[in-house]
């Protein structure tokens, strides 16, 4: 019984690890796309002031750091 439990736990660990890895990568990819496509200052023809762009970039960096810690 303990062996089966150990195998089941190992299998679930693998599945959860794969899910966390895929989800983490998706967050990073979406943030990159957002930054490239939407996060542009007035100078680049965008909708945001330079200070707003800088603040958003810092927040995205904080998210990336948190995601990399979880991975």
C-alpha atoms as a PDB file:
ATOM      1  CA  UNK A   1       0.000   0.000   0.000  1.00  0.00           C
ATOM      2  CA  UNK A   2       2.822   2.420   0.822  1.00  0.00           C
ATOM      3  CA  UNK A   3       4.481   1.696  -2.511  1.00  0.00           C
ATOM      4  CA  UNK A   4       1.298   2.511  -4.407  1.00  0.00           C
ATOM      5  CA  UNK A   5       0.851   5.695  -2.409  1.00  0.00           C
ATOM      6  CA  UNK A   6       4.447   6.659  -3.162  1.00  0.00           C
ATOM      7  CA  UNK A   7       3.935   6.068  -6.904  1.00  0.00           C
ATOM      8  CA  UNK A   8       0.671   8.022  -6.871  1.00  0.00           C
ATOM      9  CA  UNK A   9       2.290  10.925  -5.052  1.00  0.00           C
ATOM     10  CA  UNK A  10       5.217  10.912  -7.463  1.00  0.00           C
ATOM     11  CA  UNK A  11       2.860  10.941 -10.450  1.00  0.00           C
ATOM     12  CA  UNK A  12       0.845  13.818  -8.993  1.00  0.00           C
ATOM     13  CA  UNK A  13       4.053  15.725  -8.278  1.00  0.00           C
ATOM     14  CA  UNK A  14       5.093  15.373 -11.910  1.00  0.00           C
ATOM     15  CA  UNK A  15       1.687  16.559 -13.143  1.00  0.00           C
ATOM     16  CA  UNK A  16       1.658  19.538 -10.794  1.00  0.00           C
ATOM     17  CA  UNK A  17       5.210  20.469 -11.725  1.00  0.00           C
ATOM     18  CA  UNK A  18       4.302  20.388 -15.414  1.00  0.00           C
ATOM     19  CA  UNK A  19       1.217  22.530 -14.771  1.00  0.00           C
ATOM     20  CA  UNK A  20       3.146  25.106 -12.757  1.00  0.00           C
ATOM     21  CA  UNK A  21       5.875  25.267 -15.385  1.00  0.00           C
ATOM     22  CA  UNK A  22       3.414  25.697 -18.257  1.00  0.00           C
ATOM     23  CA  UNK A  23       1.334  28.256 -16.375  1.00  0.00           C
ATOM     24  CA  UNK A  24       4.413  30.207 -15.339  1.00  0.00           C
ATOM     25  CA  UNK A  25       5.662  30.328 -18.909  1.00  0.00           C
ATOM     26  CA  UNK A  26       2.260  31.498 -20.108  1.00  0.00           C
ATOM     27  CA  UNK A  27       2.308  34.396 -17.624  1.00  0.00           C
ATOM     28  CA  UNK A  28       5.802  35.385 -18.772  1.00  0.00           C
ATOM     29  CA  UNK A  29       4.833  35.135 -22.442  1.00  0.00           C
ATOM     30  CA  UNK A  30       1.662  37.199 -21.983  1.00  0.00           C
ATOM     31  CA  UNK A  31       3.513  39.865 -20.023  1.00  0.00           C
ATOM     32  CA  UNK A  32       6.158  40.081 -22.732  1.00  0.00           C
ATOM     33  CA  UNK A  33       3.493  40.386 -25.415  1.00  0.00           C
ATOM     34  CA  UNK A  34       1.682  43.064 -23.411  1.00  0.00           C
ATOM     35  CA  UNK A  35       4.894  45.036 -22.928  1.00  0.00           C
ATOM     36  CA  UNK A  36       5.795  44.812 -26.621  1.00  0.00           C
ATOM     37  CA  UNK A  37       2.343  45.429 -28.077  1.00  0.00           C
ATOM     38  CA  UNK A  38       0.655  47.786 -25.629  1.00  0.00           C
ATOM     39  CA  UNK A  39       3.094  49.358 -23.216  1.00  0.00           C
ATOM     40  CA  UNK A  40       4.336  52.241 -25.314  1.00  0.00           C
ATOM     41  CA  UNK A  41       4.941  55.814 -24.363  1.00  0.00           C
ATOM     42  CA  UNK A  42       3.701  58.824 -26.243  1.00  0.00           C
ATOM     43  CA  UNK A  43       7.118  59.126 -27.883  1.00  0.00           C
ATOM     44  CA  UNK A  44       6.625  55.712 -29.546  1.00  0.00           C
ATOM     45  CA  UNK A  45       3.085  56.490 -30.641  1.00  0.00           C
ATOM     46  CA  UNK A  46       1.585  54.839 -27.577  1.00  0.00           C
ATOM     47  CA  UNK A  47      -0.988  55.902 -25.040  1.00  0.00           C
ATOM     48  CA  UNK A  48       1.093  56.302 -21.900  1.00  0.00           C
ATOM     49  CA  UNK A  49       3.358  58.818 -20.236  1.00  0.00           C
ATOM     50  CA  UNK A  50       6.968  57.741 -19.752  1.00  0.00           C
ATOM     51  CA  UNK A  51       6.517  57.504 -15.975  1.00  0.00           C
ATOM     52  CA  UNK A  52       3.541  55.186 -16.417  1.00  0.00           C
ATOM     53  CA  UNK A  53       5.494  52.956 -18.791  1.00  0.00           C
ATOM     54  CA  UNK A  54       8.406  52.814 -16.359  1.00  0.00           C
ATOM     55  CA  UNK A  55       6.134  51.946 -13.436  1.00  0.00           C
ATOM     56  CA  UNK A  56       4.386  49.226 -15.425  1.00  0.00           C
ATOM     57  CA  UNK A  57       7.725  47.776 -16.524  1.00  0.00           C
ATOM     58  CA  UNK A  58       8.853  47.627 -12.892  1.00  0.00           C
ATOM     59  CA  UNK A  59       5.653  45.844 -11.927  1.00  0.00           C
ATOM     60  CA  UNK A  60       6.065  43.362 -14.758  1.00  0.00           C
ATOM     61  CA  UNK A  61       9.612  42.728 -13.553  1.00  0.00           C
ATOM     62  CA  UNK A  62       8.275  42.024 -10.060  1.00  0.00           C
ATOM     63  CA  UNK A  63       5.816  39.530 -11.527  1.00  0.00           C
ATOM     64  CA  UNK A  64       8.616  37.869 -13.506  1.00  0.00           C
ATOM     65  CA  UNK A  65      10.756  37.615 -10.373  1.00  0.00           C
ATOM     66  CA  UNK A  66       7.876  36.044  -8.449  1.00  0.00           C
ATOM     67  CA  UNK A  67       7.141  33.580 -11.256  1.00  0.00           C
ATOM     68  CA  UNK A  68      10.788  32.556 -11.510  1.00  0.00           C
ATOM     69  CA  UNK A  69      10.858  31.983  -7.741  1.00  0.00           C
ATOM     70  CA  UNK A  70       7.891  29.608  -7.995  1.00  0.00           C
ATOM     71  CA  UNK A  71       9.430  27.698 -10.863  1.00  0.00           C
END
